[in-house]
PDB file of N, CA and C in Angstrom:
ATOM      1  N   MET A   1     174.101  96.265  59.982  1.00  0.00           N
ATOM      2  CA  MET A   1     174.271  96.993  61.221  1.00  0.00           C
ATOM      3  C   MET A   1     174.577  96.007  62.330  1.00  0.00           C
ATOM      4  N   ASN A   2     175.522  96.340  63.146  1.00  0.00           N
ATOM      5  CA  ASN A   2     175.935  95.470  64.232  1.00  0.00           C
ATOM      6  C   ASN A   2     174.973  95.609  65.404  1.00  0.00           C
ATOM      7  N   GLY A   3     174.280  94.537  65.758  1.00  0.00           N
ATOM      8  CA  GLY A   3     173.311  94.566  66.836  1.00  0.00           C
ATOM      9  C   GLY A   3     173.930  94.798  68.189  1.00  0.00           C
ATOM     10  N   ASP A   4     175.248  94.535  68.356  1.00  0.00           N
ATOM     11  CA  ASP A   4     175.896  94.699  69.649  1.00  0.00           C
ATOM     12  C   ASP A   4     175.920  96.155  70.113  1.00  0.00           C
ATOM     13  N   GLN A   5     175.900  97.102  69.200  1.00  0.00           N
ATOM     14  CA  GLN A   5     175.971  98.485  69.618  1.00  0.00           C
ATOM     15  C   GLN A   5     174.654  98.981  70.197  1.00  0.00           C
ATOM     16  N   HIS A   6     173.603  98.184  70.184  1.00  0.00           N
ATOM     17  CA  HIS A   6     172.299  98.612  70.682  1.00  0.00           C
ATOM     18  C   HIS A   6     171.883  97.878  71.949  1.00  0.00           C
ATOM     19  N   ILE A   7     172.791  97.150  72.565  1.00  0.00           N
ATOM     20  CA  ILE A   7     172.461  96.410  73.770  1.00  0.00           C
ATOM     21  C   ILE A   7     172.075  97.387  74.871  1.00  0.00           C
ATOM     22  N   GLY A   8     170.920  97.150  75.484  1.00  0.00           N
ATOM     23  CA  GLY A   8     170.444  97.988  76.573  1.00  0.00           C
ATOM     24  C   GLY A   8     169.694  99.224  76.121  1.00  0.00           C
ATOM     25  N   GLU A   9     169.681  99.497  74.834  1.00  0.00           N
ATOM     26  CA  GLU A   9     168.972 100.663  74.322  1.00  0.00           C
ATOM     27  C   GLU A   9     167.489 100.333  74.194  1.00  0.00           C
ATOM     28  N   PRO A  10     166.595 101.235  74.635  1.00  0.00           N
ATOM     29  CA  PRO A  10     165.160 100.963  74.518  1.00  0.00           C
ATOM     30  C   PRO A  10     164.734 100.866  73.050  1.00  0.00           C
ATOM     31  N   LEU A  11     164.004  99.810  72.732  1.00  0.00           N
ATOM     32  CA  LEU A  11     163.517  99.597  71.375  1.00  0.00           C
ATOM     33  C   LEU A  11     161.997  99.554  71.379  1.00  0.00           C
ATOM     34  N   LEU A  12     161.409  99.945  70.265  1.00  0.00           N
ATOM     35  CA  LEU A  12     159.958  99.950  70.110  1.00  0.00           C
ATOM     36  C   LEU A  12     159.546  98.993  69.009  1.00  0.00           C
ATOM     37  N   THR A  13     158.367  98.427  69.151  1.00  0.00           N
ATOM     38  CA  THR A  13     157.804  97.563  68.119  1.00  0.00           C
ATOM     39  C   THR A  13     157.188  98.444  67.033  1.00  0.00           C
ATOM     40  N   PRO A  14     156.920  97.863  65.863  1.00  0.00           N
ATOM     41  CA  PRO A  14     156.235  98.638  64.821  1.00  0.00           C
ATOM     42  C   PRO A  14     154.884  99.179  65.293  1.00  0.00           C
ATOM     43  N   ALA A  15     154.169  98.404  66.092  1.00  0.00           N
ATOM     44  CA  ALA A  15     152.857  98.854  66.593  1.00  0.00           C
ATOM     45  C   ALA A  15     153.007 100.065  67.519  1.00  0.00           C
ATOM     46  N   GLU A  16     154.053 100.071  68.337  1.00  0.00           N
ATOM     47  CA  GLU A  16     154.285 101.204  69.239  1.00  0.00           C
ATOM     48  C   GLU A  16     154.647 102.463  68.457  1.00  0.00           C
ATOM     49  N   VAL A  17     155.475 102.303  67.439  1.00  0.00           N
ATOM     50  CA  VAL A  17     155.843 103.450  66.598  1.00  0.00           C
ATOM     51  C   VAL A  17     154.607 103.942  65.833  1.00  0.00           C
ATOM     52  N   ALA A  18     153.829 103.019  65.317  1.00  0.00           N
ATOM     53  CA  ALA A  18     152.614 103.378  64.579  1.00  0.00           C
ATOM     54  C   ALA A  18     151.649 104.159  65.463  1.00  0.00           C
ATOM     55  N   ALA A  19     151.482 103.729  66.697  1.00  0.00           N
ATOM     56  CA  ALA A  19     150.586 104.433  67.616  1.00  0.00           C
ATOM     57  C   ALA A  19     151.102 105.845  67.896  1.00  0.00           C
ATOM     58  N   THR A  20     152.405 105.986  67.987  1.00  0.00           N
ATOM     59  CA  THR A  20     153.012 107.290  68.241  1.00  0.00           C
ATOM     60  C   THR A  20     152.712 108.265  67.109  1.00  0.00           C
ATOM     61  N   PHE A  21     152.821 107.780  65.868  1.00  0.00           N
ATOM     62  CA  PHE A  21     152.603 108.634  64.703  1.00  0.00           C
ATOM     63  C   PHE A  21     151.171 108.567  64.173  1.00  0.00           C
ATOM     64  N   ARG A  22     150.338 107.721  64.811  1.00  0.00           N
ATOM     65  CA  ARG A  22     148.940 107.537  64.403  1.00  0.00           C
ATOM     66  C   ARG A  22     148.820 107.083  62.947  1.00  0.00           C
ATOM     67  N   VAL A  23     149.616 106.063  62.629  1.00  0.00           N
ATOM     68  CA  VAL A  23     149.567 105.442  61.303  1.00  0.00           C
ATOM     69  C   VAL A  23     149.455 103.936  61.476  1.00  0.00           C
ATOM     70  N   ASP A  24     149.282 103.222  60.392  1.00  0.00           N
ATOM     71  CA  ASP A  24     149.220 101.768  60.417  1.00  0.00           C
ATOM     72  C   ASP A  24     150.636 101.197  60.569  1.00  0.00           C
ATOM     73  N   PRO A  25     150.791 100.070  61.275  1.00  0.00           N
ATOM     74  CA  PRO A  25     152.125  99.457  61.391  1.00  0.00           C
ATOM     75  C   PRO A  25     152.785  99.151  60.045  1.00  0.00           C
ATOM     76  N   LYS A  26     151.994  98.851  59.024  1.00  0.00           N
ATOM     77  CA  LYS A  26     152.567  98.606  57.695  1.00  0.00           C
ATOM     78  C   LYS A  26     153.247  99.866  57.147  1.00  0.00           C
ATOM     79  N   THR A  27     152.724 101.033  57.507  1.00  0.00           N
ATOM     80  CA  THR A  27     153.344 102.286  57.089  1.00  0.00           C
ATOM     81  C   THR A  27     154.718 102.428  57.715  1.00  0.00           C
ATOM     82  N   VAL A  28     154.849 102.052  58.978  1.00  0.00           N
ATOM     83  CA  VAL A  28     156.142 102.112  59.661  1.00  0.00           C
ATOM     84  C   VAL A  28     157.141 101.202  58.954  1.00  0.00           C
ATOM     85  N   THR A  29     156.707 100.016  58.564  1.00  0.00           N
ATOM     86  CA  THR A  29     157.575  99.091  57.833  1.00  0.00           C
ATOM     87  C   THR A  29     158.005  99.696  56.498  1.00  0.00           C
ATOM     88  N   ARG A  30     157.083 100.351  55.802  1.00  0.00           N
ATOM     89  CA  ARG A  30     157.429 101.001  54.530  1.00  0.00           C
ATOM     90  C   ARG A  30     158.444 102.118  54.747  1.00  0.00           C
ATOM     91  N   TRP A  31     158.285 102.878  55.837  1.00  0.00           N
ATOM     92  CA  TRP A  31     159.248 103.934  56.144  1.00  0.00           C
ATOM     93  C   TRP A  31     160.636 103.341  56.355  1.00  0.00           C
ATOM     94  N   ALA A  32     160.698 102.206  57.046  1.00  0.00           N
ATOM     95  CA  ALA A  32     161.998 101.555  57.299  1.00  0.00           C
ATOM     96  C   ALA A  32     162.613 101.069  55.995  1.00  0.00           C
ATOM     97  N   LYS A  33     161.804 100.461  55.138  1.00  0.00           N
ATOM     98  CA  LYS A  33     162.314  99.977  53.854  1.00  0.00           C
ATOM     99  C   LYS A  33     162.795 101.125  52.974  1.00  0.00           C
ATOM    100  N   ALA A  34     162.160 102.299  53.113  1.00  0.00           N
ATOM    101  CA  ALA A  34     162.532 103.471  52.322  1.00  0.00           C
ATOM    102  C   ALA A  34     163.723 104.220  52.927  1.00  0.00           C
ATOM    103  N   GLY A  35     164.174 103.790  54.114  1.00  0.00           N
ATOM    104  CA  GLY A  35     165.307 104.421  54.753  1.00  0.00           C
ATOM    105  C   GLY A  35     164.963 105.631  55.601  1.00  0.00           C
ATOM    106  N   LYS A  36     163.679 105.875  55.822  1.00  0.00           N
ATOM    107  CA  LYS A  36     163.260 107.016  56.637  1.00  0.00           C
ATOM    108  C   LYS A  36     163.431 106.743  58.131  1.00  0.00           C
ATOM    109  N   LEU A  37     163.416 105.479  58.509  1.00  0.00           N
ATOM    110  CA  LEU A  37     163.629 105.047  59.895  1.00  0.00           C
ATOM    111  C   LEU A  37     164.693 103.965  59.897  1.00  0.00           C
ATOM    112  N   THR A  38     165.465 103.916  60.964  1.00  0.00           N
ATOM    113  CA  THR A  38     166.446 102.857  61.131  1.00  0.00           C
ATOM    114  C   THR A  38     165.784 101.705  61.867  1.00  0.00           C
ATOM    115  N   SER A  39     165.825 100.528  61.284  1.00  0.00           N
ATOM    116  CA  SER A  39     165.246  99.370  61.969  1.00  0.00           C
ATOM    117  C   SER A  39     166.346  98.400  62.357  1.00  0.00           C
ATOM    118  N   ILE A  40     166.104  97.711  63.438  1.00  0.00           N
ATOM    119  CA  ILE A  40     167.002  96.676  63.944  1.00  0.00           C
ATOM    120  C   ILE A  40     166.212  95.382  63.883  1.00  0.00           C
ATOM    121  N   ARG A  41     166.832  94.336  63.402  1.00  0.00           N
ATOM    122  CA  ARG A  41     166.158  93.042  63.307  1.00  0.00           C
ATOM    123  C   ARG A  41     166.459  92.192  64.534  1.00  0.00           C
ATOM    124  N   THR A  42     165.411  91.579  65.093  1.00  0.00           N
ATOM    125  CA  THR A  42     165.597  90.649  66.197  1.00  0.00           C
ATOM    126  C   THR A  42     166.089  89.325  65.635  1.00  0.00           C
ATOM    127  N   LEU A  43     166.460  88.411  66.511  1.00  0.00           N
ATOM    128  CA  LEU A  43     166.885  87.088  66.049  1.00  0.00           C
ATOM    129  C   LEU A  43     165.760  86.393  65.288  1.00  0.00           C
ATOM    130  N   GLY A  44     164.526  86.687  65.635  1.00  0.00           N
ATOM    131  CA  GLY A  44     163.384  86.092  64.955  1.00  0.00           C
ATOM    132  C   GLY A  44     163.007  86.799  63.658  1.00  0.00           C
ATOM    133  N   GLY A  45     163.728  87.872  63.312  1.00  0.00           N
ATOM    134  CA  GLY A  45     163.474  88.585  62.061  1.00  0.00           C
ATOM    135  C   GLY A  45     162.486  89.728  62.169  1.00  0.00           C
ATOM    136  N   HIS A  46     162.050  90.053  63.376  1.00  0.00           N
ATOM    137  CA  HIS A  46     161.101  91.155  63.559  1.00  0.00           C
ATOM    138  C   HIS A  46     161.845  92.478  63.627  1.00  0.00           C
ATOM    139  N   ARG A  47     161.186  93.526  63.174  1.00  0.00           N
ATOM    140  CA  ARG A  47     161.797  94.851  63.202  1.00  0.00           C
ATOM    141  C   ARG A  47     161.558  95.516  64.553  1.00  0.00           C
ATOM    142  N   ARG A  48     162.574  96.247  65.003  1.00  0.00           N
ATOM    143  CA  ARG A  48     162.470  97.077  66.193  1.00  0.00           C
ATOM    144  C   ARG A  48     163.093  98.420  65.853  1.00  0.00           C
ATOM    145  N   TYR A  49     162.635  99.461  66.538  1.00  0.00           N
ATOM    146  CA  TYR A  49     163.066 100.817  66.245  1.00  0.00           C
ATOM    147  C   TYR A  49     163.613 101.475  67.501  1.00  0.00           C
ATOM    148  N   ARG A  50     164.691 102.240  67.342  1.00  0.00           N
ATOM    149  CA  ARG A  50     165.315 102.905  68.485  1.00  0.00           C
ATOM    150  C   ARG A  50     164.394 103.994  69.023  1.00  0.00           C
ATOM    151  N   LYS A  51     164.092 103.917  70.312  1.00  0.00           N
ATOM    152  CA  LYS A  51     163.210 104.887  70.949  1.00  0.00           C
ATOM    153  C   LYS A  51     163.776 106.302  70.824  1.00  0.00           C
ATOM    154  N   ALA A  52     165.082 106.444  70.977  1.00  0.00           N
ATOM    155  CA  ALA A  52     165.713 107.763  70.889  1.00  0.00           C
ATOM    156  C   ALA A  52     165.507 108.382  69.503  1.00  0.00           C
ATOM    157  N   GLU A  53     165.581 107.570  68.453  1.00  0.00           N
ATOM    158  CA  GLU A  53     165.384 108.084  67.097  1.00  0.00           C
ATOM    159  C   GLU A  53     163.938 108.545  66.899  1.00  0.00           C
ATOM    160  N   ILE A  54     162.996 107.764  67.400  1.00  0.00           N
ATOM    161  CA  ILE A  54     161.580 108.128  67.255  1.00  0.00           C
ATOM    162  C   ILE A  54     161.290 109.406  68.015  1.00  0.00           C
ATOM    163  N   ARG A  55     161.813 109.514  69.238  1.00  0.00           N
ATOM    164  CA  ARG A  55     161.610 110.734  70.032  1.00  0.00           C
ATOM    165  C   ARG A  55     162.241 111.935  69.335  1.00  0.00           C
ATOM    166  N   ALA A  56     163.393 111.750  68.713  1.00  0.00           N
ATOM    167  CA  ALA A  56     164.052 112.851  68.004  1.00  0.00           C
ATOM    168  C   ALA A  56     163.197 113.319  66.814  1.00  0.00           C
ATOM    169  N   LEU A  57     162.587 112.359  66.112  1.00  0.00           N
ATOM    170  CA  LEU A  57     161.715 112.714  64.985  1.00  0.00           C
ATOM    171  C   LEU A  57     160.495 113.512  65.457  1.00  0.00           C
ATOM    172  N   LEU A  58     160.076 113.236  66.675  1.00  0.00           N
ATOM    173  CA  LEU A  58     158.937 113.962  67.243  1.00  0.00           C
ATOM    174  C   LEU A  58     159.342 115.303  67.852  1.00  0.00           C
ATOM    175  N   GLY A  59     160.646 115.558  67.900  1.00  0.00           N
ATOM    176  CA  GLY A  59     161.133 116.788  68.494  1.00  0.00           C
ATOM    177  C   GLY A  59     161.261 116.708  70.009  1.00  0.00           C
ATOM    178  N   LEU A  60     161.235 115.497  70.548  1.00  0.00           N
ATOM    179  CA  LEU A  60     161.385 115.302  71.987  1.00  0.00           C
ATOM    180  C   LEU A  60     162.832 114.916  72.274  1.00  0.00           C
ATOM    181  N   HIS A  61     163.282 115.179  73.474  1.00  0.00           N
ATOM    182  CA  HIS A  61     164.658 114.866  73.846  1.00  0.00           C
ATOM    183  C   HIS A  61     164.671 113.903  75.008  1.00  0.00           C
ATOM    184  N   GLU A  62     165.588 112.933  74.958  1.00  0.00           N
ATOM    185  CA  GLU A  62     165.760 111.977  76.047  1.00  0.00           C
ATOM    186  C   GLU A  62     166.353 112.700  77.244  1.00  0.00           C
ATOM    187  N   GLU A  63     165.865 112.390  78.424  1.00  0.00           N
ATOM    188  CA  GLU A  63     166.415 112.996  79.634  1.00  0.00           C
ATOM    189  C   GLU A  63     166.897 111.943  80.561  1.00  0.00           C
TER     190      GLU A  63
END
């Protein structure tokens, strides 16, 4: 995935996504590996998740 298409887009850490869904951060990582969530890798190799995608999964809409 090309990281340039996500410049300026709000991203969440695994801990933030985990808190949203009330699960462990390791569960969020497993969801990403299983293809249930789209993850973006930082230059340091850490996963980040698109806020818009997480809100959509929750049934919320960006305004």
